[in-house]
Amino acid sequence: MVPTGYYLILSAIIFTIGAVGVLSRRNALIIIMCVEMMLNSVNLTLIAFARQWDNLNGQVFVFMVMAVAAAEVAVGLAILIAHFNLSKSTNIDDVNVMKW
């Protein structure tokens, strides 16, 4: 049986990689993927604690986080596609005003 601390360390590493990616990249697609990595690391933490305490509340909450993440990706990609159609770029430095 793997100790909970190992899951938490892995989750912290994944979250750090995602945070560095969000802060250092300028491509909107990469930023969306890094945000998803951060959400998945939080999900891993919730599952690890739910397993440690033999409680299903963490696993139920993970399903809610996954639903919010799916909605976030759908809205984010829709905005990105609309912006790409106008500017032919996915660079977030090109987005200064949200107007048509």
Protein backbone atom coordinates (compact mmCIF):
# COMPACT_ATOMS: atom_id res chain seq x y z
CA MET A 1 0.00 0.00 0.00
CA VAL A 2 1.42 3.35 -1.08
CA PRO A 3 1.56 6.02 1.65
CA THR A 4 -0.57 9.13 1.20
CA GLY A 5 2.51 11.35 1.36
CA TYR A 6 3.76 9.98 -1.96
CA TYR A 7 0.51 10.97 -3.64
CA LEU A 8 0.75 14.44 -2.12
CA ILE A 9 4.33 14.87 -3.31
CA LEU A 10 3.35 13.79 -6.83
CA SER A 11 0.39 16.16 -6.72
CA ALA A 12 2.61 19.05 -5.62
CA ILE A 13 5.06 18.33 -8.46
CA ILE A 14 2.26 18.23 -11.04
CA PHE A 15 0.74 21.44 -9.65
CA THR A 16 4.12 23.18 -9.75
CA ILE A 17 4.69 22.15 -13.36
CA GLY A 18 1.25 23.47 -14.26
CA ALA A 19 1.78 26.77 -12.41
CA VAL A 20 5.16 27.32 -14.07
CA GLY A 21 3.57 26.59 -17.43
CA VAL A 22 0.78 29.11 -16.85
CA LEU A 23 3.20 31.80 -15.73
CA SER A 24 5.85 31.27 -18.40
CA ARG A 25 3.99 30.44 -21.61
CA ARG A 26 2.27 32.85 -23.98
CA ASN A 27 0.32 30.31 -26.08
CA ALA A 28 -3.32 30.10 -24.95
CA LEU A 29 -3.59 26.36 -25.69
CA ILE A 30 -0.58 25.58 -23.52
CA ILE A 31 -2.00 27.73 -20.72
CA ILE A 32 -5.33 25.86 -20.86
CA MET A 33 -3.49 22.53 -20.69
CA CYS A 34 -1.43 23.74 -17.71
CA VAL A 35 -4.59 24.83 -15.89
CA GLU A 36 -5.97 21.34 -16.49
CA MET A 37 -2.79 19.86 -15.01
CA MET A 38 -3.28 22.01 -11.92
CA LEU A 39 -6.90 20.87 -11.57
CA ASN A 40 -5.87 17.24 -11.97
CA SER A 41 -3.25 17.61 -9.26
CA VAL A 42 -5.95 18.92 -6.92
CA ASN A 43 -8.11 15.94 -7.89
CA LEU A 44 -5.24 13.60 -7.02
CA THR A 45 -4.96 15.24 -3.61
CA LEU A 46 -8.68 14.89 -2.98
CA ILE A 47 -8.62 11.21 -3.96
CA ALA A 48 -5.57 10.55 -1.78
CA PHE A 49 -7.24 12.06 1.28
CA ALA A 50 -10.53 10.32 0.54
CA ARG A 51 -8.63 7.03 0.39
CA GLN A 52 -6.73 7.75 3.59
CA TRP A 53 -9.86 8.58 5.58
CA ASP A 54 -12.11 5.96 3.89
CA ASN A 55 -14.57 8.68 2.94
CA LEU A 56 -16.26 9.07 -0.44
CA ASN A 57 -16.83 12.82 -0.11
CA GLY A 58 -13.50 13.59 -1.77
CA GLN A 59 -14.31 11.35 -4.72
CA VAL A 60 -17.72 12.97 -5.17
CA PHE A 61 -16.08 16.39 -5.08
CA VAL A 62 -13.63 15.25 -7.77
CA PHE A 63 -16.54 14.61 -10.12
CA MET A 64 -17.75 18.17 -9.55
CA VAL A 65 -14.26 19.55 -10.22
CA MET A 66 -14.07 17.52 -13.42
CA ALA A 67 -17.41 18.92 -14.57
CA VAL A 68 -16.24 22.48 -13.92
CA ALA A 69 -12.97 21.74 -15.73
CA ALA A 70 -14.84 20.42 -18.76
CA ALA A 71 -17.00 23.55 -18.86
CA GLU A 72 -13.91 25.73 -18.47
CA VAL A 73 -12.22 24.04 -21.40
CA ALA A 74 -15.33 24.33 -23.57
CA VAL A 75 -15.72 28.05 -22.89
CA GLY A 76 -11.98 28.71 -23.13
CA LEU A 77 -11.65 26.93 -26.45
CA ALA A 78 -14.71 28.75 -27.83
CA ILE A 79 -13.17 32.10 -26.91
CA LEU A 80 -9.81 31.00 -28.32
CA ILE A 81 -11.36 29.90 -31.62
CA ALA A 82 -13.26 33.19 -31.92
CA HIS A 83 -10.05 35.13 -31.26
CA PHE A 84 -8.06 32.96 -33.67
CA ASN A 85 -10.58 33.63 -36.45
CA LEU A 86 -9.97 37.36 -36.01
CA SER A 87 -6.26 37.58 -35.38
CA LYS A 88 -4.84 34.25 -36.69
CA SER A 89 -2.82 33.95 -33.48
CA THR A 90 -3.11 32.05 -30.20
CA ASN A 91 -0.61 34.30 -28.44
CA ILE A 92 -2.19 35.88 -25.37
CA ASP A 93 -0.10 39.03 -25.78
CA ASP A 94 -2.23 39.80 -28.85
CA VAL A 95 -5.40 39.86 -26.74
CA ASN A 96 -5.60 43.34 -25.31
CA VAL A 97 -9.26 44.23 -25.78
CA MET A 98 -12.20 41.86 -26.14
CA LYS A 99 -14.05 43.68 -28.89
CA TRP A 100 -15.00 42.78 -32.42
